[in-house]
C-alpha cells in the first residue's frame, strides 16, 4: 500500500493506494498550506491519515503539490525541462518525520526557466499528467489543467517539454468580487447561453487590450438590459476561458482536460467552440501519478 498526498494551498487530499495504483479510499480536508501553523505539517498529516494507520502502519507516504514549495513543509528543487517521470522520481526529497514512518518524501515540481523565454513553474500538475499518461498508455499529448492558475502542458515521447500558466481562475475571482462588476455577479446560476456568448466575444478579440475593454462592457450591457445581471458571471467566465483557449490552444486539434468535473466541462465546451477535440481525463489522475512515481522512485534509488 501507498499513502499518496496532493497537498495544495487550500486543501489536502490523501489517497490510500493499492499495488495497482488504484485509490481504495480517500480523505479531503480543508487543511491547505495557508491553514497549517508553522512547523505543523507533520502533525496535520498524521492526524489526517490516522484512520488508515491500523490497516497500513508501514505504508510509505509520497506527497506532491505546494507542500514542496518555499511556503510548504520543505522546499524541493524544481526539475527542469524536459522532465520525465524518472526525473521526478530521482528528484524526490526524503523527509525526517518520525511520527509518520521511515519513508516520507515529496515530489519535485517542474520549472521552465530558459533565458530566452519567460520563467514558469508548476507543482502537483506534473503528477496528475503522468497519472493520466499511465492510465491511457500514451506518451504524447497536450493537457489543460483548469484552476486558479490553469496549466497548458505539452508532453512528447514521455517527457514534459513545455508548459504555460494562465491566471484565469484567480482573475475571475478578483474581477467578480473586487471590481465594479461585483454587484452583477452571481457565481451560481445564470443562463448557459451567456457563457457561450462570452466565448463568442473572446473569439472576436483583436488587439490584446480589447479584453480589458470587454470587462467594462459587461457593466454597460447590463445597464441597457442587453445582459441580465444574473448572467454576468457566466458571460465573464466564458470571456476569460475563451480568451485563454484561443491563445493556448491555437493550432491544436486535441486537448486532454484534467480537473474537477464542473470546470473541466466548461473547458471542454470552450475547446469545442473553437473546433478542438476535448477529452476528459480519468478522475484518479493524482493517485495514479503518485503510484507511478513511487514505483519509479524505488528503481531510481
C-alpha atoms as a PDB file:
ATOM      1  CA  UNK A   1       0.000   0.000   0.000  1.00  0.00           C
ATOM      2  CA  UNK A   2       0.988   3.619  -0.569  1.00  0.00           C
ATOM      3  CA  UNK A   3      -0.380   6.779   1.013  1.00  0.00           C
ATOM      4  CA  UNK A   4      -0.375   9.485  -1.632  1.00  0.00           C
ATOM      5  CA  UNK A   5      -0.979  13.132  -0.771  1.00  0.00           C
ATOM      6  CA  UNK A   6      -1.887  16.017  -3.068  1.00  0.00           C
ATOM      7  CA  UNK A   7      -1.335  18.991  -0.744  1.00  0.00           C
ATOM      8  CA  UNK A   8      -2.217  22.373  -2.145  1.00  0.00           C
ATOM      9  CA  UNK A   9      -2.693  25.907  -0.905  1.00  0.00           C
ATOM     10  CA  UNK A  10      -6.306  25.455   0.176  1.00  0.00           C
ATOM     11  CA  UNK A  11      -6.854  21.694   0.526  1.00  0.00           C
ATOM     12  CA  UNK A  12      -5.176  18.447   1.444  1.00  0.00           C
ATOM     13  CA  UNK A  13      -6.235  15.335  -0.462  1.00  0.00           C
ATOM     14  CA  UNK A  14      -4.913  11.975   0.707  1.00  0.00           C
ATOM     15  CA  UNK A  15      -5.297   8.625  -1.041  1.00  0.00           C
ATOM     16  CA  UNK A  16      -4.824   5.066   0.183  1.00  0.00           C
ATOM     17  CA  UNK A  17      -3.451   3.399  -2.936  1.00  0.00           C
ATOM     18  CA  UNK A  18      -3.179  -0.327  -3.629  1.00  0.00           C
ATOM     19  CA  UNK A  19      -0.499  -2.137  -5.612  1.00  0.00           C
ATOM     20  CA  UNK A  20      -2.308  -1.495  -8.898  1.00  0.00           C
ATOM     21  CA  UNK A  21      -2.292   2.261  -8.382  1.00  0.00           C
ATOM     22  CA  UNK A  22      -5.999   2.367  -7.502  1.00  0.00           C
ATOM     23  CA  UNK A  23      -7.216   4.646  -4.721  1.00  0.00           C
ATOM     24  CA  UNK A  24      -9.216   2.383  -2.413  1.00  0.00           C
ATOM     25  CA  UNK A  25     -10.003   5.230  -0.022  1.00  0.00           C
ATOM     26  CA  UNK A  26      -9.539   8.987   0.096  1.00  0.00           C
ATOM     27  CA  UNK A  27      -9.739  11.884   2.539  1.00  0.00           C
ATOM     28  CA  UNK A  28     -10.209  15.544   1.640  1.00  0.00           C
ATOM     29  CA  UNK A  29      -9.611  18.178   4.294  1.00  0.00           C
ATOM     30  CA  UNK A  30      -9.577  21.984   4.371  1.00  0.00           C
ATOM     31  CA  UNK A  31      -6.016  21.875   5.669  1.00  0.00           C
ATOM     32  CA  UNK A  32      -4.126  23.562   2.876  1.00  0.00           C
ATOM     33  CA  UNK A  33      -0.795  25.266   3.345  1.00  0.00           C
ATOM     34  CA  UNK A  34      -2.417  28.520   4.424  1.00  0.00           C
ATOM     35  CA  UNK A  35      -4.067  26.775   7.402  1.00  0.00           C
ATOM     36  CA  UNK A  36      -1.064  24.856   8.697  1.00  0.00           C
ATOM     37  CA  UNK A  37       0.742  26.527  11.633  1.00  0.00           C
ATOM     38  CA  UNK A  38       4.499  26.944  11.490  1.00  0.00           C
ATOM     39  CA  UNK A  39       6.165  23.580  11.976  1.00  0.00           C
ATOM     40  CA  UNK A  40       2.809  21.824  11.956  1.00  0.00           C
ATOM     41  CA  UNK A  41       2.878  19.832   8.719  1.00  0.00           C
ATOM     42  CA  UNK A  42       3.853  16.505  10.282  1.00  0.00           C
ATOM     43  CA  UNK A  43       1.167  16.730  12.965  1.00  0.00           C
ATOM     44  CA  UNK A  44      -1.546  17.772  10.499  1.00  0.00           C
ATOM     45  CA  UNK A  45      -0.773  14.900   8.146  1.00  0.00           C
ATOM     46  CA  UNK A  46      -0.545  12.371  10.978  1.00  0.00           C
ATOM     47  CA  UNK A  47      -3.986  13.424  12.205  1.00  0.00           C
ATOM     48  CA  UNK A  48      -5.454  13.309   8.695  1.00  0.00           C
ATOM     49  CA  UNK A  49      -4.291   9.801   7.803  1.00  0.00           C
ATOM     50  CA  UNK A  50      -4.784   8.325  11.295  1.00  0.00           C
ATOM     51  CA  UNK A  51      -7.823   6.238  10.155  1.00  0.00           C
ATOM     52  CA  UNK A  52      -5.547   4.266   7.818  1.00  0.00           C
ATOM     53  CA  UNK A  53      -2.667   3.558  10.142  1.00  0.00           C
ATOM     54  CA  UNK A  54      -4.127   0.360  11.638  1.00  0.00           C
ATOM     55  CA  UNK A  55      -4.586  -1.165   8.171  1.00  0.00           C
ATOM     56  CA  UNK A  56      -1.362   0.234   6.674  1.00  0.00           C
ATOM     57  CA  UNK A  57       1.058   1.049   9.509  1.00  0.00           C
ATOM     58  CA  UNK A  58       4.180   0.838   7.344  1.00  0.00           C
ATOM     59  CA  UNK A  59       2.867   2.297   4.085  1.00  0.00           C
ATOM     60  CA  UNK A  60       5.276   4.804   2.526  1.00  0.00           C
ATOM     61  CA  UNK A  61       3.992   8.347   2.074  1.00  0.00           C
ATOM     62  CA  UNK A  62       4.576  10.314  -1.112  1.00  0.00           C
ATOM     63  CA  UNK A  63       3.379  13.916  -1.436  1.00  0.00           C
ATOM     64  CA  UNK A  64       3.012  16.297  -4.346  1.00  0.00           C
ATOM     65  CA  UNK A  65       1.873  19.873  -4.805  1.00  0.00           C
ATOM     66  CA  UNK A  66       2.562  23.095  -2.968  1.00  0.00           C
ATOM     67  CA  UNK A  67       3.721  21.145   0.080  1.00  0.00           C
ATOM     68  CA  UNK A  68       7.124  21.157  -1.642  1.00  0.00           C
ATOM     69  CA  UNK A  69       7.134  24.905  -2.262  1.00  0.00           C
ATOM     70  CA  UNK A  70       9.029  27.601  -0.391  1.00  0.00           C
ATOM     71  CA  UNK A  71       5.925  28.147   1.754  1.00  0.00           C
ATOM     72  CA  UNK A  72       5.389  24.427   2.308  1.00  0.00           C
ATOM     73  CA  UNK A  73       6.788  21.698   4.543  1.00  0.00           C
ATOM     74  CA  UNK A  74      10.192  21.783   2.897  1.00  0.00           C
ATOM     75  CA  UNK A  75      11.239  23.297  -0.424  1.00  0.00           C
ATOM     76  CA  UNK A  76      12.082  20.715  -3.076  1.00  0.00           C
ATOM     77  CA  UNK A  77      14.190  21.917  -6.030  1.00  0.00           C
ATOM     78  CA  UNK A  78      12.382  22.015  -9.355  1.00  0.00           C
ATOM     79  CA  UNK A  79      13.156  19.614 -12.175  1.00  0.00           C
ATOM     80  CA  UNK A  80      13.921  21.360 -15.460  1.00  0.00           C
ATOM     81  CA  UNK A  81      12.597  20.684 -18.946  1.00  0.00           C
ATOM     82  CA  UNK A  82      12.359  18.172 -20.481  1.00  0.00           C
ATOM     83  CA  UNK A  83      11.021  16.348 -17.419  1.00  0.00           C
ATOM     84  CA  UNK A  84      10.267  12.615 -17.344  1.00  0.00           C
ATOM     85  CA  UNK A  85       8.631  10.548 -14.629  1.00  0.00           C
ATOM     86  CA  UNK A  86      12.086   9.163 -13.816  1.00  0.00           C
ATOM     87  CA  UNK A  87      13.365  12.730 -13.340  1.00  0.00           C
ATOM     88  CA  UNK A  88      10.581  13.340 -10.828  1.00  0.00           C
ATOM     89  CA  UNK A  89      11.335  10.080  -9.045  1.00  0.00           C
ATOM     90  CA  UNK A  90      15.035  10.937  -8.831  1.00  0.00           C
ATOM     91  CA  UNK A  91      14.263  14.434  -7.551  1.00  0.00           C
ATOM     92  CA  UNK A  92      12.024  13.421  -4.653  1.00  0.00           C
ATOM     93  CA  UNK A  93      13.130  14.726  -1.279  1.00  0.00           C
ATOM     94  CA  UNK A  94      13.053  12.390   1.743  1.00  0.00           C
ATOM     95  CA  UNK A  95      11.835  13.937   4.997  1.00  0.00           C
ATOM     96  CA  UNK A  96      12.642  13.244   8.608  1.00  0.00           C
ATOM     97  CA  UNK A  97       9.151  12.649  10.007  1.00  0.00           C
ATOM     98  CA  UNK A  98       9.412  10.044  12.788  1.00  0.00           C
ATOM     99  CA  UNK A  99       5.725  10.040  13.698  1.00  0.00           C
ATOM    100  CA  UNK A 100       4.825   9.122  10.112  1.00  0.00           C
ATOM    101  CA  UNK A 101       7.358   6.378   9.367  1.00  0.00           C
ATOM    102  CA  UNK A 102      10.679   5.784   7.674  1.00  0.00           C
ATOM    103  CA  UNK A 103       9.660   6.537   4.074  1.00  0.00           C
ATOM    104  CA  UNK A 104       8.128  10.002   3.671  1.00  0.00           C
ATOM    105  CA  UNK A 105       9.009  12.090   0.627  1.00  0.00           C
ATOM    106  CA  UNK A 106       7.881  14.988  -1.579  1.00  0.00           C
ATOM    107  CA  UNK A 107       7.791  15.033  -5.377  1.00  0.00           C
ATOM    108  CA  UNK A 108       9.563  17.986  -7.037  1.00  0.00           C
ATOM    109  CA  UNK A 109       7.756  20.456  -9.262  1.00  0.00           C
ATOM    110  CA  UNK A 110       8.788  21.368 -12.796  1.00  0.00           C
ATOM    111  CA  UNK A 111      10.322  24.663 -13.920  1.00  0.00           C
ATOM    112  CA  UNK A 112      10.707  26.335 -17.297  1.00  0.00           C
ATOM    113  CA  UNK A 113      13.378  28.979 -16.932  1.00  0.00           C
ATOM    114  CA  UNK A 114      15.168  29.350 -20.247  1.00  0.00           C
ATOM    115  CA  UNK A 115      16.954  32.671 -20.682  1.00  0.00           C
ATOM    116  CA  UNK A 116      15.161  33.161 -23.996  1.00  0.00           C
ATOM    117  CA  UNK A 117      11.660  32.715 -22.554  1.00  0.00           C
ATOM    118  CA  UNK A 118       9.521  33.710 -19.578  1.00  0.00           C
ATOM    119  CA  UNK A 119      10.045  31.638 -16.432  1.00  0.00           C
ATOM    120  CA  UNK A 120       7.194  29.390 -15.328  1.00  0.00           C
ATOM    121  CA  UNK A 121       6.676  26.771 -12.608  1.00  0.00           C
ATOM    122  CA  UNK A 122       4.201  24.125 -11.504  1.00  0.00           C
ATOM    123  CA  UNK A 123       3.805  21.826  -8.519  1.00  0.00           C
ATOM    124  CA  UNK A 124       1.294  18.990  -8.476  1.00  0.00           C
ATOM    125  CA  UNK A 125       0.054  19.161 -12.065  1.00  0.00           C
ATOM    126  CA  UNK A 126       3.049  17.155 -13.293  1.00  0.00           C
ATOM    127  CA  UNK A 127       1.969  14.262 -11.060  1.00  0.00           C
ATOM    128  CA  UNK A 128      -1.561  14.278 -12.462  1.00  0.00           C
ATOM    129  CA  UNK A 129      -0.234  14.340 -16.013  1.00  0.00           C
ATOM    130  CA  UNK A 130       1.920  11.261 -15.552  1.00  0.00           C
ATOM    131  CA  UNK A 131      -1.046   9.558 -13.915  1.00  0.00           C
ATOM    132  CA  UNK A 132      -3.220  10.200 -16.974  1.00  0.00           C
ATOM    133  CA  UNK A 133      -0.446   9.021 -19.301  1.00  0.00           C
ATOM    134  CA  UNK A 134      -0.102   5.813 -17.281  1.00  0.00           C
ATOM    135  CA  UNK A 135      -3.855   5.211 -17.319  1.00  0.00           C
ATOM    136  CA  UNK A 136      -4.046   5.680 -21.081  1.00  0.00           C
ATOM    137  CA  UNK A 137      -0.782   4.102 -22.090  1.00  0.00           C
ATOM    138  CA  UNK A 138       0.091   7.292 -24.007  1.00  0.00           C
ATOM    139  CA  UNK A 139       3.423   9.057 -24.338  1.00  0.00           C
ATOM    140  CA  UNK A 140       2.446  12.273 -26.131  1.00  0.00           C
ATOM    141  CA  UNK A 141      -0.454  14.695 -25.666  1.00  0.00           C
ATOM    142  CA  UNK A 142      -1.397  18.272 -24.833  1.00  0.00           C
ATOM    143  CA  UNK A 143      -3.120  18.806 -21.481  1.00  0.00           C
ATOM    144  CA  UNK A 144      -5.036  21.619 -19.843  1.00  0.00           C
ATOM    145  CA  UNK A 145      -5.465  21.579 -16.071  1.00  0.00           C
ATOM    146  CA  UNK A 146      -8.031  24.299 -15.264  1.00  0.00           C
ATOM    147  CA  UNK A 147      -7.998  26.109 -11.960  1.00  0.00           C
ATOM    148  CA  UNK A 148      -6.967  29.332 -10.309  1.00  0.00           C
ATOM    149  CA  UNK A 149      -3.783  29.051 -12.347  1.00  0.00           C
ATOM    150  CA  UNK A 150      -4.587  26.984 -15.436  1.00  0.00           C
ATOM    151  CA  UNK A 151      -1.724  24.942 -16.864  1.00  0.00           C
ATOM    152  CA  UNK A 152      -1.295  24.022 -20.523  1.00  0.00           C
ATOM    153  CA  UNK A 153       1.257  21.246 -20.777  1.00  0.00           C
ATOM    154  CA  UNK A 154       2.898  19.575 -23.760  1.00  0.00           C
ATOM    155  CA  UNK A 155       4.194  16.013 -23.398  1.00  0.00           C
ATOM    156  CA  UNK A 156       6.322  14.471 -26.122  1.00  0.00           C
ATOM    157  CA  UNK A 157       7.654  10.923 -26.051  1.00  0.00           C
ATOM    158  CA  UNK A 158       7.047  10.596 -22.316  1.00  0.00           C
ATOM    159  CA  UNK A 159       8.577  13.937 -21.261  1.00  0.00           C
ATOM    160  CA  UNK A 160       7.060  17.286 -20.351  1.00  0.00           C
ATOM    161  CA  UNK A 161       8.666  19.575 -22.912  1.00  0.00           C
ATOM    162  CA  UNK A 162       6.728  22.822 -22.448  1.00  0.00           C
ATOM    163  CA  UNK A 163       4.013  24.408 -20.344  1.00  0.00           C
ATOM    164  CA  UNK A 164       2.270  27.740 -19.834  1.00  0.00           C
ATOM    165  CA  UNK A 165       0.293  29.135 -16.894  1.00  0.00           C
ATOM    166  CA  UNK A 166      -2.793  31.381 -17.171  1.00  0.00           C
ATOM    167  CA  UNK A 167      -4.213  33.098 -14.063  1.00  0.00           C
ATOM    168  CA  UNK A 168      -7.745  32.756 -15.421  1.00  0.00           C
ATOM    169  CA  UNK A 169      -9.465  31.439 -12.302  1.00  0.00           C
ATOM    170  CA  UNK A 170      -7.835  33.931  -9.977  1.00  0.00           C
ATOM    171  CA  UNK A 171      -8.613  36.785 -12.376  1.00  0.00           C
ATOM    172  CA  UNK A 172     -12.260  35.713 -12.435  1.00  0.00           C
ATOM    173  CA  UNK A 173     -12.356  35.801  -8.629  1.00  0.00           C
ATOM    174  CA  UNK A 174     -10.743  39.225  -8.478  1.00  0.00           C
ATOM    175  CA  UNK A 175     -12.984  40.779 -11.122  1.00  0.00           C
ATOM    176  CA  UNK A 176     -16.190  39.241  -9.798  1.00  0.00           C
ATOM    177  CA  UNK A 177     -15.535  40.122  -6.151  1.00  0.00           C
ATOM    178  CA  UNK A 178     -13.410  43.256  -6.030  1.00  0.00           C
ATOM    179  CA  UNK A 179     -14.316  45.458  -9.010  1.00  0.00           C
ATOM    180  CA  UNK A 180     -17.283  47.433 -10.254  1.00  0.00           C
ATOM    181  CA  UNK A 181     -18.584  44.161 -11.742  1.00  0.00           C
ATOM    182  CA  UNK A 182     -19.076  42.563  -8.324  1.00  0.00           C
ATOM    183  CA  UNK A 183     -22.709  43.661  -7.843  1.00  0.00           C
ATOM    184  CA  UNK A 184     -23.786  41.920 -11.035  1.00  0.00           C
ATOM    185  CA  UNK A 185     -22.007  38.646 -10.383  1.00  0.00           C
ATOM    186  CA  UNK A 186     -23.897  35.588  -9.196  1.00  0.00           C
ATOM    187  CA  UNK A 187     -21.463  32.693  -9.472  1.00  0.00           C
ATOM    188  CA  UNK A 188     -24.151  30.030  -9.093  1.00  0.00           C
ATOM    189  CA  UNK A 189     -26.721  30.164 -11.840  1.00  0.00           C
ATOM    190  CA  UNK A 190     -27.144  32.166 -14.998  1.00  0.00           C
ATOM    191  CA  UNK A 191     -28.148  31.125 -18.487  1.00  0.00           C
ATOM    192  CA  UNK A 192     -25.663  28.736 -20.163  1.00  0.00           C
ATOM    193  CA  UNK A 193     -26.160  30.814 -23.291  1.00  0.00           C
ATOM    194  CA  UNK A 194     -24.398  33.686 -21.523  1.00  0.00           C
ATOM    195  CA  UNK A 195     -21.288  31.517 -21.171  1.00  0.00           C
ATOM    196  CA  UNK A 196     -21.409  30.743 -24.898  1.00  0.00           C
ATOM    197  CA  UNK A 197     -21.893  34.428 -25.630  1.00  0.00           C
ATOM    198  CA  UNK A 198     -18.751  35.101 -23.619  1.00  0.00           C
ATOM    199  CA  UNK A 199     -16.899  32.525 -25.723  1.00  0.00           C
ATOM    200  CA  UNK A 200     -18.083  34.262 -28.881  1.00  0.00           C
ATOM    201  CA  UNK A 201     -16.884  37.609 -27.559  1.00  0.00           C
ATOM    202  CA  UNK A 202     -13.487  36.066 -26.858  1.00  0.00           C
ATOM    203  CA  UNK A 203     -13.272  34.672 -30.388  1.00  0.00           C
ATOM    204  CA  UNK A 204     -13.800  38.179 -31.770  1.00  0.00           C
ATOM    205  CA  UNK A 205     -11.000  39.814 -29.774  1.00  0.00           C
ATOM    206  CA  UNK A 206      -8.438  41.566 -31.915  1.00  0.00           C
ATOM    207  CA  UNK A 207      -5.746  43.590 -30.175  1.00  0.00           C
ATOM    208  CA  UNK A 208      -4.754  42.327 -26.680  1.00  0.00           C
ATOM    209  CA  UNK A 209      -6.147  45.406 -24.947  1.00  0.00           C
ATOM    210  CA  UNK A 210      -9.682  44.627 -26.122  1.00  0.00           C
ATOM    211  CA  UNK A 211     -10.059  42.100 -23.326  1.00  0.00           C
ATOM    212  CA  UNK A 212      -9.827  44.865 -20.709  1.00  0.00           C
ATOM    213  CA  UNK A 213     -12.389  46.854 -22.693  1.00  0.00           C
ATOM    214  CA  UNK A 214     -14.839  43.936 -22.669  1.00  0.00           C
ATOM    215  CA  UNK A 215     -14.692  43.791 -18.875  1.00  0.00           C
ATOM    216  CA  UNK A 216     -16.282  47.218 -18.623  1.00  0.00           C
ATOM    217  CA  UNK A 217     -18.661  46.402 -21.486  1.00  0.00           C
ATOM    218  CA  UNK A 218     -20.241  43.808 -19.195  1.00  0.00           C
ATOM    219  CA  UNK A 219     -21.423  46.610 -16.893  1.00  0.00           C
ATOM    220  CA  UNK A 220     -22.700  48.709 -19.776  1.00  0.00           C
ATOM    221  CA  UNK A 221     -24.543  45.749 -21.318  1.00  0.00           C
ATOM    222  CA  UNK A 222     -26.437  45.218 -18.059  1.00  0.00           C
ATOM    223  CA  UNK A 223     -27.298  48.922 -17.771  1.00  0.00           C
ATOM    224  CA  UNK A 224     -29.049  48.786 -21.143  1.00  0.00           C
ATOM    225  CA  UNK A 225     -30.757  45.459 -20.450  1.00  0.00           C
ATOM    226  CA  UNK A 226     -28.787  43.565 -23.086  1.00  0.00           C
ATOM    227  CA  UNK A 227     -27.250  41.266 -20.469  1.00  0.00           C
ATOM    228  CA  UNK A 228     -29.227  40.085 -17.447  1.00  0.00           C
ATOM    229  CA  UNK A 229     -27.411  40.814 -14.164  1.00  0.00           C
ATOM    230  CA  UNK A 230     -27.726  37.161 -13.143  1.00  0.00           C
ATOM    231  CA  UNK A 231     -25.879  36.186 -16.336  1.00  0.00           C
ATOM    232  CA  UNK A 232     -22.874  38.423 -15.750  1.00  0.00           C
ATOM    233  CA  UNK A 233     -20.738  35.747 -14.082  1.00  0.00           C
ATOM    234  CA  UNK A 234     -21.408  33.197 -16.813  1.00  0.00           C
ATOM    235  CA  UNK A 235     -20.545  35.747 -19.506  1.00  0.00           C
ATOM    236  CA  UNK A 236     -17.333  36.780 -17.712  1.00  0.00           C
ATOM    237  CA  UNK A 237     -16.348  33.126 -17.282  1.00  0.00           C
ATOM    238  CA  UNK A 238     -16.888  32.469 -20.991  1.00  0.00           C
ATOM    239  CA  UNK A 239     -14.945  35.587 -21.938  1.00  0.00           C
ATOM    240  CA  UNK A 240     -11.931  34.695 -19.778  1.00  0.00           C
ATOM    241  CA  UNK A 241     -11.844  30.974 -20.583  1.00  0.00           C
ATOM    242  CA  UNK A 242     -12.418  31.740 -24.252  1.00  0.00           C
ATOM    243  CA  UNK A 243      -9.519  34.200 -24.336  1.00  0.00           C
ATOM    244  CA  UNK A 244      -7.290  31.613 -22.661  1.00  0.00           C
ATOM    245  CA  UNK A 245      -8.290  28.806 -25.027  1.00  0.00           C
ATOM    246  CA  UNK A 246      -7.993  30.997 -28.117  1.00  0.00           C
ATOM    247  CA  UNK A 247      -4.358  31.672 -27.240  1.00  0.00           C
ATOM    248  CA  UNK A 248      -3.184  28.460 -25.575  1.00  0.00           C
ATOM    249  CA  UNK A 249      -4.872  26.017 -27.944  1.00  0.00           C
ATOM    250  CA  UNK A 250      -4.130  27.858 -31.175  1.00  0.00           C
ATOM    251  CA  UNK A 251      -3.138  25.328 -33.828  1.00  0.00           C
ATOM    252  CA  UNK A 252      -4.117  22.286 -31.752  1.00  0.00           C
ATOM    253  CA  UNK A 253      -6.643  19.631 -32.742  1.00  0.00           C
ATOM    254  CA  UNK A 254      -6.902  17.638 -29.469  1.00  0.00           C
ATOM    255  CA  UNK A 255      -6.526  18.519 -25.790  1.00  0.00           C
ATOM    256  CA  UNK A 256      -6.916  16.328 -22.690  1.00  0.00           C
ATOM    257  CA  UNK A 257      -8.764  18.155 -19.895  1.00  0.00           C
ATOM    258  CA  UNK A 258      -7.731  17.242 -16.336  1.00  0.00           C
ATOM    259  CA  UNK A 259      -9.677  18.604 -13.396  1.00  0.00           C
ATOM    260  CA  UNK A 260     -12.873  18.899 -11.378  1.00  0.00           C
ATOM    261  CA  UNK A 261     -16.000  17.962 -13.286  1.00  0.00           C
ATOM    262  CA  UNK A 262     -17.748  21.352 -13.499  1.00  0.00           C
ATOM    263  CA  UNK A 263     -14.718  23.346 -14.555  1.00  0.00           C
ATOM    264  CA  UNK A 264     -13.477  20.612 -16.880  1.00  0.00           C
ATOM    265  CA  UNK A 265     -16.880  20.634 -18.581  1.00  0.00           C
ATOM    266  CA  UNK A 266     -16.613  24.386 -19.202  1.00  0.00           C
ATOM    267  CA  UNK A 267     -13.185  23.997 -20.752  1.00  0.00           C
ATOM    268  CA  UNK A 268     -14.437  21.122 -22.895  1.00  0.00           C
ATOM    269  CA  UNK A 269     -17.272  23.342 -24.130  1.00  0.00           C
ATOM    270  CA  UNK A 270     -14.825  26.158 -24.854  1.00  0.00           C
ATOM    271  CA  UNK A 271     -12.487  23.871 -26.770  1.00  0.00           C
ATOM    272  CA  UNK A 272     -15.411  22.558 -28.783  1.00  0.00           C
ATOM    273  CA  UNK A 273     -16.493  26.097 -29.625  1.00  0.00           C
ATOM    274  CA  UNK A 274     -13.040  26.674 -31.118  1.00  0.00           C
ATOM    275  CA  UNK A 275     -13.203  23.449 -33.134  1.00  0.00           C
ATOM    276  CA  UNK A 276     -10.806  21.488 -30.900  1.00  0.00           C
ATOM    277  CA  UNK A 277     -11.462  17.939 -29.701  1.00  0.00           C
ATOM    278  CA  UNK A 278     -11.612  17.760 -25.907  1.00  0.00           C
ATOM    279  CA  UNK A 279     -11.067  14.535 -23.982  1.00  0.00           C
ATOM    280  CA  UNK A 280     -11.875  14.289 -20.280  1.00  0.00           C
ATOM    281  CA  UNK A 281      -9.125  12.689 -18.217  1.00  0.00           C
ATOM    282  CA  UNK A 282      -9.523   9.996 -15.593  1.00  0.00           C
ATOM    283  CA  UNK A 283     -10.651  11.280 -12.193  1.00  0.00           C
ATOM    284  CA  UNK A 284      -7.969   9.228 -10.407  1.00  0.00           C
ATOM    285  CA  UNK A 285      -5.065  11.062 -12.068  1.00  0.00           C
ATOM    286  CA  UNK A 286      -3.338  12.286  -8.893  1.00  0.00           C
ATOM    287  CA  UNK A 287      -3.424   8.912  -7.117  1.00  0.00           C
ATOM    288  CA  UNK A 288      -2.216   7.016 -10.171  1.00  0.00           C
ATOM    289  CA  UNK A 289       0.517   9.581 -10.787  1.00  0.00           C
ATOM    290  CA  UNK A 290       1.800   9.286  -7.216  1.00  0.00           C
ATOM    291  CA  UNK A 291       1.758   5.494  -7.527  1.00  0.00           C
ATOM    292  CA  UNK A 292       3.676   5.652 -10.812  1.00  0.00           C
ATOM    293  CA  UNK A 293       6.337   7.962  -9.362  1.00  0.00           C
ATOM    294  CA  UNK A 294       6.615   5.797  -6.220  1.00  0.00           C
ATOM    295  CA  UNK A 295       7.387   2.706  -8.303  1.00  0.00           C
ATOM    296  CA  UNK A 296       9.964   4.572 -10.380  1.00  0.00           C
ATOM    297  CA  UNK A 297      11.436   6.032  -7.187  1.00  0.00           C
ATOM    298  CA  UNK A 298      12.195   2.545  -5.908  1.00  0.00           C
ATOM    299  CA  UNK A 299      14.031   1.761  -9.152  1.00  0.00           C
ATOM    300  CA  UNK A 300      15.971   5.028  -9.214  1.00  0.00           C
ATOM    301  CA  UNK A 301      17.060   4.809  -5.594  1.00  0.00           C
END
